[in-house]
Amino acid sequence: MDPIPPHLGGNSADSMAMCMVFDIPGSATAFQERVHRAGVRIVQNGLAGGRFDNMSETLPVHVTVVIPTRNEEEAIVDTIRSVPSDGWCEKIDFLIVDGNSTDRTRELAEGEGATVYVEPRKGYGRAYKTGFAMAPGDVIVTMDADCTYPGEEVPGLVRKLLDEDLEWITCDRLRKAEEGAMPGLHGFGNWVLSTTATMLYWYGVHDSQSGMWVFRKSIFEDERVRPKHDGMPLSQEFKIRARRYLGKKRTAEVSVPYRPRVGEAEINTWGDGLLNLRFLFTHRLGLTRQVTPWGPE
């Protein structure tokens, strides 16, 4: 049966062809050239067209995964192994910034080939201020050492960073959190902090407390982007600074799964929560001060 002519409300042969998705590599070359002139965004192999459409292509980048730790022997090995190391990028390495663990965290991490640096100065933010400066990679990925973040998503996130010419990505845990990953009090606290951050900064970030980020190390050449806080508030401070100084067009938030923690938590729920809440207001007033300098001692 012939298609209904366009002047009678139907679709032309070309427009119907545009709805097709080709799964055979190389079969759509002529078709792409034809519809490109019409301004149509091509979808091939299930991915939006871009510089790195072929998922098997090795990304031309050195990636360093920075992980802060303190007594994470139950999960550190699985956390490291969760990130693929099958040649998806030119080089990948792991930098563990350890807060003087008293268990086998450092030994186990080194057994997986990670570089371990012991940071004697206390604080979640302090560990990252050291790790960010020490990381040798062009792209830095962060995650906790408790198997909560999806390491298998790292290649796709780095690919998105490069393909869309972004500078910084933060991962939203709230939309895809698995059952039991964020118990009632933690879930409520995250909602309060994220809502407060949105009201104060209007910066377009859904999850203000996420600790999984993917970004180019070069962003720290602008010192305004460098977070200052040594404690848990560094997480929300980093997001505020990135969105403000890098701009919303060069930054993005991507939803990822979030899973129940493996091992005992080192955080103080009430203390850290109130500290984060207070920081949102003091930072809005321009009162954030750097206690310890950027980088290792």
C-alpha atoms as a PDB file:
ATOM      1  CA  MET A   1       0.000   0.000   0.000  1.00  0.00           C
ATOM      2  CA  ASP A   2       1.337   3.439  -0.934  1.00  0.00           C
ATOM      3  CA  PRO A   3       1.863   5.944   1.887  1.00  0.00           C
ATOM      4  CA  ILE A   4      -0.632   8.773   2.290  1.00  0.00           C
ATOM      5  CA  PRO A   5       0.706  11.842   0.454  1.00  0.00           C
ATOM      6  CA  PRO A   6       2.035  14.652   2.680  1.00  0.00           C
ATOM      7  CA  HIS A   7      -0.486  17.178   1.329  1.00  0.00           C
ATOM      8  CA  LEU A   8      -3.292  14.931   2.613  1.00  0.00           C
ATOM      9  CA  GLY A   9      -1.796  14.717   6.117  1.00  0.00           C
ATOM     10  CA  GLY A  10       0.436  11.701   5.579  1.00  0.00           C
ATOM     11  CA  ASN A  11       4.183  11.218   5.815  1.00  0.00           C
ATOM     12  CA  SER A  12       6.677  11.219   3.015  1.00  0.00           C
ATOM     13  CA  ALA A  13       8.964   8.245   2.486  1.00  0.00           C
ATOM     14  CA  ASP A  14      11.890  10.291   3.794  1.00  0.00           C
ATOM     15  CA  SER A  15      10.106  11.289   6.991  1.00  0.00           C
ATOM     16  CA  MET A  16       9.073   7.708   7.692  1.00  0.00           C
ATOM     17  CA  ALA A  17      12.634   6.558   7.122  1.00  0.00           C
ATOM     18  CA  MET A  18      13.821   9.028   9.725  1.00  0.00           C
ATOM     19  CA  CYS A  19      12.058   6.998  12.421  1.00  0.00           C
ATOM     20  CA  MET A  20      14.206   3.944  11.724  1.00  0.00           C
ATOM     21  CA  VAL A  21      17.119   2.982  13.989  1.00  0.00           C
ATOM     22  CA  PHE A  22      19.995   1.127  12.414  1.00  0.00           C
ATOM     23  CA  ASP A  23      21.823  -1.494  14.442  1.00  0.00           C
ATOM     24  CA  ILE A  24      24.234  -2.637  11.758  1.00  0.00           C
ATOM     25  CA  PRO A  25      27.445  -0.574  11.856  1.00  0.00           C
ATOM     26  CA  GLY A  26      28.050   1.352   8.648  1.00  0.00           C
ATOM     27  CA  SER A  27      24.642   0.637   7.123  1.00  0.00           C
ATOM     28  CA  ALA A  28      23.279   4.110   7.759  1.00  0.00           C
ATOM     29  CA  THR A  29      26.056   6.239   6.272  1.00  0.00           C
ATOM     30  CA  ALA A  30      24.231   7.404   3.163  1.00  0.00           C
ATOM     31  CA  PHE A  31      21.011   7.773   5.119  1.00  0.00           C
ATOM     32  CA  GLN A  32      22.743   9.951   7.715  1.00  0.00           C
ATOM     33  CA  GLU A  33      24.159  12.223   5.022  1.00  0.00           C
ATOM     34  CA  ARG A  34      20.714  12.563   3.471  1.00  0.00           C
ATOM     35  CA  VAL A  35      18.808  13.506   6.604  1.00  0.00           C
ATOM     36  CA  HIS A  36      21.600  15.565   8.149  1.00  0.00           C
ATOM     37  CA  ARG A  37      20.801  18.286   5.653  1.00  0.00           C
ATOM     38  CA  ALA A  38      17.246  18.355   7.037  1.00  0.00           C
ATOM     39  CA  GLY A  39      18.559  19.085  10.541  1.00  0.00           C
ATOM     40  CA  VAL A  40      17.485  15.713  11.981  1.00  0.00           C
ATOM     41  CA  ARG A  41      19.403  14.281  14.972  1.00  0.00           C
ATOM     42  CA  ILE A  42      20.440  10.739  14.060  1.00  0.00           C
ATOM     43  CA  VAL A  43      20.047   7.844  16.481  1.00  0.00           C
ATOM     44  CA  GLN A  44      22.350   4.912  15.786  1.00  0.00           C
ATOM     45  CA  ASN A  45      22.991   1.830  17.905  1.00  0.00           C
ATOM     46  CA  GLY A  46      20.595   3.279  20.490  1.00  0.00           C
ATOM     47  CA  LEU A  47      22.748   6.320  21.265  1.00  0.00           C
ATOM     48  CA  ALA A  48      22.391   9.970  20.360  1.00  0.00           C
ATOM     49  CA  GLY A  49      24.890  10.889  17.658  1.00  0.00           C
ATOM     50  CA  GLY A  50      28.155  12.362  18.859  1.00  0.00           C
ATOM     51  CA  ARG A  51      31.902  12.004  18.859  1.00  0.00           C
ATOM     52  CA  PHE A  52      31.912   8.662  20.686  1.00  0.00           C
ATOM     53  CA  ASP A  53      28.923   6.730  19.298  1.00  0.00           C
ATOM     54  CA  ASN A  54      30.731   3.394  19.278  1.00  0.00           C
ATOM     55  CA  MET A  55      30.575   2.036  22.837  1.00  0.00           C
ATOM     56  CA  SER A  56      33.545  -0.246  22.118  1.00  0.00           C
ATOM     57  CA  GLU A  57      35.747   2.733  21.219  1.00  0.00           C
ATOM     58  CA  THR A  58      38.532   3.470  23.683  1.00  0.00           C
ATOM     59  CA  LEU A  59      38.075   6.956  25.050  1.00  0.00           C
ATOM     60  CA  PRO A  60      41.236   9.065  24.649  1.00  0.00           C
ATOM     61  CA  VAL A  61      41.456  10.075  28.282  1.00  0.00           C
ATOM     62  CA  HIS A  62      43.203   9.229  31.556  1.00  0.00           C
ATOM     63  CA  VAL A  63      40.685   8.687  34.367  1.00  0.00           C
ATOM     64  CA  THR A  64      41.456   8.708  38.083  1.00  0.00           C
ATOM     65  CA  VAL A  65      38.865   7.445  40.550  1.00  0.00           C
ATOM     66  CA  VAL A  66      39.310   9.207  43.901  1.00  0.00           C
ATOM     67  CA  ILE A  67      37.839   7.445  46.925  1.00  0.00           C
ATOM     68  CA  PRO A  68      38.018   8.730  50.521  1.00  0.00           C
ATOM     69  CA  THR A  69      38.149   5.951  53.109  1.00  0.00           C
ATOM     70  CA  ARG A  70      38.129   5.242  56.804  1.00  0.00           C
ATOM     71  CA  ASN A  71      37.679   1.653  57.989  1.00  0.00           C
ATOM     72  CA  GLU A  72      36.043   0.365  54.797  1.00  0.00           C
ATOM     73  CA  GLU A  73      37.602  -3.104  54.616  1.00  0.00           C
ATOM     74  CA  GLU A  74      34.222  -4.756  54.044  1.00  0.00           C
ATOM     75  CA  ALA A  75      33.552  -2.953  50.787  1.00  0.00           C
ATOM     76  CA  ILE A  76      36.707  -1.359  49.373  1.00  0.00           C
ATOM     77  CA  VAL A  77      37.631  -4.303  47.146  1.00  0.00           C
ATOM     78  CA  ASP A  78      34.154  -4.613  45.638  1.00  0.00           C
ATOM     79  CA  THR A  79      33.985  -0.833  45.214  1.00  0.00           C
ATOM     80  CA  ILE A  80      37.204  -0.787  43.172  1.00  0.00           C
ATOM     81  CA  ARG A  81      36.202  -3.846  41.157  1.00  0.00           C
ATOM     82  CA  SER A  82      32.799  -2.356  40.368  1.00  0.00           C
ATOM     83  CA  VAL A  83      34.446   0.132  37.980  1.00  0.00           C
ATOM     84  CA  PRO A  84      35.181  -1.561  34.629  1.00  0.00           C
ATOM     85  CA  SER A  85      38.829  -1.780  33.609  1.00  0.00           C
ATOM     86  CA  ASP A  86      38.377  -3.455  30.238  1.00  0.00           C
ATOM     87  CA  GLY A  87      40.052  -0.862  28.060  1.00  0.00           C
ATOM     88  CA  TRP A  88      37.157   1.599  27.740  1.00  0.00           C
ATOM     89  CA  CYS A  89      39.602   4.487  28.350  1.00  0.00           C
ATOM     90  CA  GLU A  90      43.308   4.901  27.644  1.00  0.00           C
ATOM     91  CA  LYS A  91      44.224   4.661  31.334  1.00  0.00           C
ATOM     92  CA  ILE A  92      42.363   4.291  34.616  1.00  0.00           C
ATOM     93  CA  ASP A  93      43.780   4.334  38.121  1.00  0.00           C
ATOM     94  CA  PHE A  94      42.491   4.576  41.678  1.00  0.00           C
ATOM     95  CA  LEU A  95      43.600   7.000  44.367  1.00  0.00           C
ATOM     96  CA  ILE A  96      42.533   6.119  47.903  1.00  0.00           C
ATOM     97  CA  VAL A  97      42.760   9.011  50.372  1.00  0.00           C
ATOM     98  CA  ASP A  98      42.636   7.261  53.711  1.00  0.00           C
ATOM     99  CA  GLY A  99      41.750   8.890  57.006  1.00  0.00           C
ATOM    100  CA  ASN A 100      44.102   6.710  59.059  1.00  0.00           C
ATOM    101  CA  SER A 101      42.010   3.525  58.997  1.00  0.00           C
ATOM    102  CA  THR A 102      42.583   1.039  61.794  1.00  0.00           C
ATOM    103  CA  ASP A 103      41.419  -1.984  59.784  1.00  0.00           C
ATOM    104  CA  ARG A 104      42.769  -3.542  56.543  1.00  0.00           C
ATOM    105  CA  THR A 105      41.370  -0.893  54.166  1.00  0.00           C
ATOM    106  CA  ARG A 106      44.749   0.335  52.926  1.00  0.00           C
ATOM    107  CA  GLU A 107      46.211  -3.156  52.543  1.00  0.00           C
ATOM    108  CA  LEU A 108      43.217  -4.394  50.564  1.00  0.00           C
ATOM    109  CA  ALA A 109      43.150  -1.316  48.311  1.00  0.00           C
ATOM    110  CA  GLU A 110      46.841  -1.671  47.505  1.00  0.00           C
ATOM    111  CA  GLY A 111      46.209  -5.319  46.712  1.00  0.00           C
ATOM    112  CA  GLU A 112      43.812  -4.136  43.997  1.00  0.00           C
ATOM    113  CA  GLY A 113      46.489  -1.907  42.495  1.00  0.00           C
ATOM    114  CA  ALA A 114      45.261   1.361  43.980  1.00  0.00           C
ATOM    115  CA  THR A 115      47.544   4.151  45.152  1.00  0.00           C
ATOM    116  CA  VAL A 116      46.931   4.892  48.829  1.00  0.00           C
ATOM    117  CA  TYR A 117      47.705   8.208  50.491  1.00  0.00           C
ATOM    118  CA  VAL A 118      47.204   8.612  54.238  1.00  0.00           C
ATOM    119  CA  GLU A 119      45.719  12.034  55.033  1.00  0.00           C
ATOM    120  CA  PRO A 120      46.361  12.795  58.725  1.00  0.00           C
ATOM    121  CA  ARG A 121      44.084  15.844  58.709  1.00  0.00           C
ATOM    122  CA  LYS A 122      40.506  14.916  59.513  1.00  0.00           C
ATOM    123  CA  GLY A 123      37.456  15.432  57.358  1.00  0.00           C
ATOM    124  CA  TYR A 124      35.576  14.203  54.287  1.00  0.00           C
ATOM    125  CA  GLY A 125      36.204  17.491  52.536  1.00  0.00           C
ATOM    126  CA  ARG A 126      39.847  17.480  53.606  1.00  0.00           C
ATOM    127  CA  ALA A 127      40.315  14.078  51.927  1.00  0.00           C
ATOM    128  CA  TYR A 128      38.892  15.372  48.660  1.00  0.00           C
ATOM    129  CA  LYS A 129      40.917  18.599  48.716  1.00  0.00           C
ATOM    130  CA  THR A 130      43.980  16.365  48.881  1.00  0.00           C
ATOM    131  CA  GLY A 131      42.760  13.822  46.331  1.00  0.00           C
ATOM    132  CA  PHE A 132      41.707  16.405  43.760  1.00  0.00           C
ATOM    133  CA  ALA A 133      45.173  17.965  43.805  1.00  0.00           C
ATOM    134  CA  MET A 134      47.004  14.626  43.680  1.00  0.00           C
ATOM    135  CA  ALA A 135      44.914  12.866  41.022  1.00  0.00           C
ATOM    136  CA  PRO A 136      47.031  12.325  37.866  1.00  0.00           C
ATOM    137  CA  GLY A 137      44.086  11.848  35.505  1.00  0.00           C
ATOM    138  CA  ASP A 138      42.583  14.338  33.083  1.00  0.00           C
ATOM    139  CA  VAL A 139      39.142  13.272  34.317  1.00  0.00           C
ATOM    140  CA  ILE A 140      38.348  12.643  37.986  1.00  0.00           C
ATOM    141  CA  VAL A 141      35.556  10.359  39.194  1.00  0.00           C
ATOM    142  CA  THR A 142      34.529  10.210  42.846  1.00  0.00           C
ATOM    143  CA  MET A 143      32.570   7.657  44.825  1.00  0.00           C
ATOM    144  CA  ASP A 144      32.245   6.346  48.363  1.00  0.00           C
ATOM    145  CA  ALA A 145      33.983   3.137  49.433  1.00  0.00           C
ATOM    146  CA  ASP A 146      30.802   1.380  50.562  1.00  0.00           C
ATOM    147  CA  CYS A 147      29.293  -0.028  47.337  1.00  0.00           C
ATOM    148  CA  THR A 148      26.442   2.503  47.361  1.00  0.00           C
ATOM    149  CA  TYR A 149      27.378   4.109  44.038  1.00  0.00           C
ATOM    150  CA  PRO A 150      27.212   2.212  40.711  1.00  0.00           C
ATOM    151  CA  GLY A 151      30.772   1.792  39.481  1.00  0.00           C
ATOM    152  CA  GLU A 152      29.498   0.162  36.299  1.00  0.00           C
ATOM    153  CA  GLU A 153      28.073   3.542  35.269  1.00  0.00           C
ATOM    154  CA  VAL A 154      31.484   5.240  35.193  1.00  0.00           C
ATOM    155  CA  PRO A 155      32.346   4.567  31.513  1.00  0.00           C
ATOM    156  CA  GLY A 156      29.000   5.948  30.363  1.00  0.00           C
ATOM    157  CA  LEU A 157      29.314   9.026  32.556  1.00  0.00           C
ATOM    158  CA  VAL A 158      32.823   9.789  31.294  1.00  0.00           C
ATOM    159  CA  ARG A 159      31.616   9.250  27.740  1.00  0.00           C
ATOM    160  CA  LYS A 160      28.786  11.724  28.351  1.00  0.00           C
ATOM    161  CA  LEU A 161      31.251  14.263  29.733  1.00  0.00           C
ATOM    162  CA  LEU A 162      33.389  14.039  26.588  1.00  0.00           C
ATOM    163  CA  ASP A 163      30.631  13.547  24.047  1.00  0.00           C
ATOM    164  CA  GLU A 164      28.625  16.556  25.239  1.00  0.00           C
ATOM    165  CA  ASP A 165      31.708  18.681  25.918  1.00  0.00           C
ATOM    166  CA  LEU A 166      30.787  19.107  29.574  1.00  0.00           C
ATOM    167  CA  GLU A 167      33.087  20.185  32.383  1.00  0.00           C
ATOM    168  CA  TRP A 168      31.351  18.600  35.363  1.00  0.00           C
ATOM    169  CA  ILE A 169      28.646  16.040  36.163  1.00  0.00           C
ATOM    170  CA  THR A 170      27.012  15.296  39.505  1.00  0.00           C
ATOM    171  CA  CYS A 171      24.948  12.168  40.051  1.00  0.00           C
ATOM    172  CA  ASP A 172      21.441  12.256  41.504  1.00  0.00           C
ATOM    173  CA  ARG A 173      20.752   9.348  43.901  1.00  0.00           C
ATOM    174  CA  LEU A 174      17.244  10.293  44.939  1.00  0.00           C
ATOM    175  CA  ARG A 175      15.260   9.317  41.855  1.00  0.00           C
ATOM    176  CA  LYS A 176      16.736   5.805  41.560  1.00  0.00           C
ATOM    177  CA  ALA A 177      17.558   4.893  45.153  1.00  0.00           C
ATOM    178  CA  GLU A 178      16.985   1.202  45.828  1.00  0.00           C
ATOM    179  CA  GLU A 179      14.891   0.011  48.744  1.00  0.00           C
ATOM    180  CA  GLY A 180      16.851   0.276  51.970  1.00  0.00           C
ATOM    181  CA  ALA A 181      19.554   2.505  50.480  1.00  0.00           C
ATOM    182  CA  MET A 182      18.328   5.617  52.226  1.00  0.00           C
ATOM    183  CA  PRO A 183      16.497   4.816  55.487  1.00  0.00           C
ATOM    184  CA  GLY A 184      13.745   7.141  56.708  1.00  0.00           C
ATOM    185  CA  LEU A 185      15.832   9.625  58.688  1.00  0.00           C
ATOM    186  CA  HIS A 186      18.535   9.844  56.014  1.00  0.00           C
ATOM    187  CA  GLY A 187      15.949  10.219  53.281  1.00  0.00           C
ATOM    188  CA  PHE A 188      14.176  12.995  55.152  1.00  0.00           C
ATOM    189  CA  GLY A 189      17.460  14.747  55.905  1.00  0.00           C
ATOM    190  CA  ASN A 190      18.490  14.639  52.253  1.00  0.00           C
ATOM    191  CA  TRP A 191      15.136  16.082  51.246  1.00  0.00           C
ATOM    192  CA  VAL A 192      15.463  18.945  53.761  1.00  0.00           C
ATOM    193  CA  LEU A 193      19.007  19.792  52.679  1.00  0.00           C
ATOM    194  CA  SER A 194      18.311  19.525  48.951  1.00  0.00           C
ATOM    195  CA  THR A 195      15.138  21.620  49.224  1.00  0.00           C
ATOM    196  CA  THR A 196      16.911  24.262  51.293  1.00  0.00           C
ATOM    197  CA  ALA A 197      19.813  24.391  48.820  1.00  0.00           C
ATOM    198  CA  THR A 198      17.382  24.861  45.927  1.00  0.00           C
ATOM    199  CA  MET A 199      15.554  27.679  47.717  1.00  0.00           C
ATOM    200  CA  LEU A 200      18.769  29.492  48.634  1.00  0.00           C
ATOM    201  CA  TYR A 201      20.744  29.015  45.422  1.00  0.00           C
ATOM    202  CA  TRP A 202      18.226  28.089  42.713  1.00  0.00           C
ATOM    203  CA  TYR A 203      21.012  26.179  40.967  1.00  0.00           C
ATOM    204  CA  GLY A 204      19.075  23.362  39.345  1.00  0.00           C
ATOM    205  CA  VAL A 205      20.534  20.434  41.327  1.00  0.00           C
ATOM    206  CA  HIS A 206      18.085  17.832  42.642  1.00  0.00           C
ATOM    207  CA  ASP A 207      20.427  15.940  45.003  1.00  0.00           C
ATOM    208  CA  SER A 208      22.578  18.355  46.996  1.00  0.00           C
ATOM    209  CA  GLN A 209      24.325  15.594  48.989  1.00  0.00           C
ATOM    210  CA  SER A 210      25.496  13.200  46.275  1.00  0.00           C
ATOM    211  CA  GLY A 211      29.157  12.198  46.482  1.00  0.00           C
ATOM    212  CA  MET A 212      29.547  10.846  42.940  1.00  0.00           C
ATOM    213  CA  TRP A 213      30.954  13.382  40.488  1.00  0.00           C
ATOM    214  CA  VAL A 214      32.666  13.155  37.107  1.00  0.00           C
ATOM    215  CA  PHE A 215      34.645  16.164  35.945  1.00  0.00           C
ATOM    216  CA  ARG A 216      37.709  17.488  34.183  1.00  0.00           C
ATOM    217  CA  LYS A 217      40.605  18.212  36.531  1.00  0.00           C
ATOM    218  CA  SER A 218      41.297  21.393  34.583  1.00  0.00           C
ATOM    219  CA  ILE A 219      38.274  23.077  36.201  1.00  0.00           C
ATOM    220  CA  PHE A 220      40.428  23.739  39.274  1.00  0.00           C
ATOM    221  CA  GLU A 221      42.609  26.112  37.273  1.00  0.00           C
ATOM    222  CA  ASP A 222      39.870  28.567  38.217  1.00  0.00           C
ATOM    223  CA  GLU A 223      40.386  28.755  41.976  1.00  0.00           C
ATOM    224  CA  ARG A 224      36.805  29.933  42.480  1.00  0.00           C
ATOM    225  CA  VAL A 225      35.669  26.387  41.638  1.00  0.00           C
ATOM    226  CA  ARG A 226      37.801  24.816  44.389  1.00  0.00           C
ATOM    227  CA  PRO A 227      35.694  23.963  47.444  1.00  0.00           C
ATOM    228  CA  LYS A 228      37.093  25.139  50.773  1.00  0.00           C
ATOM    229  CA  HIS A 229      35.279  23.193  53.493  1.00  0.00           C
ATOM    230  CA  ASP A 230      37.112  20.331  55.227  1.00  0.00           C
ATOM    231  CA  GLY A 231      33.957  18.509  56.327  1.00  0.00           C
ATOM    232  CA  MET A 232      30.828  17.006  54.815  1.00  0.00           C
ATOM    233  CA  PRO A 233      29.584  20.376  53.471  1.00  0.00           C
ATOM    234  CA  LEU A 234      32.260  20.192  50.753  1.00  0.00           C
ATOM    235  CA  SER A 235      29.813  18.079  48.740  1.00  0.00           C
ATOM    236  CA  GLN A 236      27.149  20.756  48.485  1.00  0.00           C
ATOM    237  CA  GLU A 237      29.745  23.545  48.255  1.00  0.00           C
ATOM    238  CA  PHE A 238      31.315  21.870  45.215  1.00  0.00           C
ATOM    239  CA  LYS A 239      27.956  21.719  43.454  1.00  0.00           C
ATOM    240  CA  ILE A 240      27.183  25.371  44.205  1.00  0.00           C
ATOM    241  CA  ARG A 241      30.573  26.507  42.928  1.00  0.00           C
ATOM    242  CA  ALA A 242      30.491  24.320  39.822  1.00  0.00           C
ATOM    243  CA  ARG A 243      27.064  25.517  38.731  1.00  0.00           C
ATOM    244  CA  ARG A 244      27.914  29.144  39.431  1.00  0.00           C
ATOM    245  CA  TYR A 245      31.387  29.422  37.927  1.00  0.00           C
ATOM    246  CA  LEU A 246      31.302  26.763  35.196  1.00  0.00           C
ATOM    247  CA  GLY A 247      27.754  27.586  34.117  1.00  0.00           C
ATOM    248  CA  LYS A 248      24.685  25.425  33.678  1.00  0.00           C
ATOM    249  CA  LYS A 249      25.406  24.737  30.002  1.00  0.00           C
ATOM    250  CA  ARG A 250      28.736  23.062  30.829  1.00  0.00           C
ATOM    251  CA  THR A 251      27.486  21.082  33.816  1.00  0.00           C
ATOM    252  CA  ALA A 252      24.817  18.403  34.268  1.00  0.00           C
ATOM    253  CA  GLU A 253      23.071  16.177  36.796  1.00  0.00           C
ATOM    254  CA  VAL A 254      22.492  12.523  35.878  1.00  0.00           C
ATOM    255  CA  SER A 255      20.327  10.086  37.851  1.00  0.00           C
ATOM    256  CA  VAL A 256      22.042   6.825  38.834  1.00  0.00           C
ATOM    257  CA  PRO A 257      21.108   3.878  41.060  1.00  0.00           C
ATOM    258  CA  TYR A 258      21.927   4.152  44.756  1.00  0.00           C
ATOM    259  CA  ARG A 259      22.307   0.979  46.830  1.00  0.00           C
ATOM    260  CA  PRO A 260      22.320  -0.087  50.486  1.00  0.00           C
ATOM    261  CA  ARG A 261      25.610   0.477  52.241  1.00  0.00           C
ATOM    262  CA  VAL A 262      28.085  -2.336  52.932  1.00  0.00           C
ATOM    263  CA  GLY A 263      29.829  -1.926  56.292  1.00  0.00           C
ATOM    264  CA  GLU A 264      29.352   0.446  59.195  1.00  0.00           C
ATOM    265  CA  ALA A 265      28.880   4.155  58.478  1.00  0.00           C
ATOM    266  CA  GLU A 266      31.418   6.645  59.873  1.00  0.00           C
ATOM    267  CA  ILE A 267      29.097   9.648  59.613  1.00  0.00           C
ATOM    268  CA  ASN A 268      27.244  11.359  62.446  1.00  0.00           C
ATOM    269  CA  THR A 269      23.682  11.665  61.144  1.00  0.00           C
ATOM    270  CA  TRP A 270      22.497  14.541  63.320  1.00  0.00           C
ATOM    271  CA  GLY A 271      25.827  16.329  63.633  1.00  0.00           C
ATOM    272  CA  ASP A 272      26.659  16.206  59.918  1.00  0.00           C
ATOM    273  CA  GLY A 273      23.103  17.077  58.959  1.00  0.00           C
ATOM    274  CA  LEU A 274      23.022  20.206  61.103  1.00  0.00           C
ATOM    275  CA  LEU A 275      26.501  21.191  59.919  1.00  0.00           C
ATOM    276  CA  ASN A 276      25.367  20.904  56.295  1.00  0.00           C
ATOM    277  CA  LEU A 277      22.227  22.926  56.995  1.00  0.00           C
ATOM    278  CA  ARG A 278      24.136  25.693  58.739  1.00  0.00           C
ATOM    279  CA  PHE A 279      26.676  25.805  55.927  1.00  0.00           C
ATOM    280  CA  LEU A 280      23.996  26.487  53.322  1.00  0.00           C
ATOM    281  CA  PHE A 281      23.071  29.698  55.116  1.00  0.00           C
ATOM    282  CA  THR A 282      26.577  30.849  56.043  1.00  0.00           C
ATOM    283  CA  HIS A 283      27.876  30.205  52.525  1.00  0.00           C
ATOM    284  CA  ARG A 284      24.966  32.173  51.100  1.00  0.00           C
ATOM    285  CA  LEU A 285      26.157  35.092  53.242  1.00  0.00           C
ATOM    286  CA  GLY A 286      29.709  34.710  51.912  1.00  0.00           C
ATOM    287  CA  LEU A 287      31.131  33.491  55.209  1.00  0.00           C
ATOM    288  CA  THR A 288      32.924  30.336  53.983  1.00  0.00           C
ATOM    289  CA  ARG A 289      36.597  30.376  54.959  1.00  0.00           C
ATOM    290  CA  GLN A 290      39.401  27.982  54.103  1.00  0.00           C
ATOM    291  CA  VAL A 291      40.846  26.339  57.237  1.00  0.00           C
ATOM    292  CA  THR A 292      43.448  24.121  55.565  1.00  0.00           C
ATOM    293  CA  PRO A 293      45.058  24.754  52.166  1.00  0.00           C
ATOM    294  CA  TRP A 294      44.352  22.989  48.881  1.00  0.00           C
ATOM    295  CA  GLY A 295      46.365  19.821  48.283  1.00  0.00           C
ATOM    296  CA  PRO A 296      48.433  17.440  50.422  1.00  0.00           C
ATOM    297  CA  GLU A 297      50.745  18.545  53.237  1.00  0.00           C
END
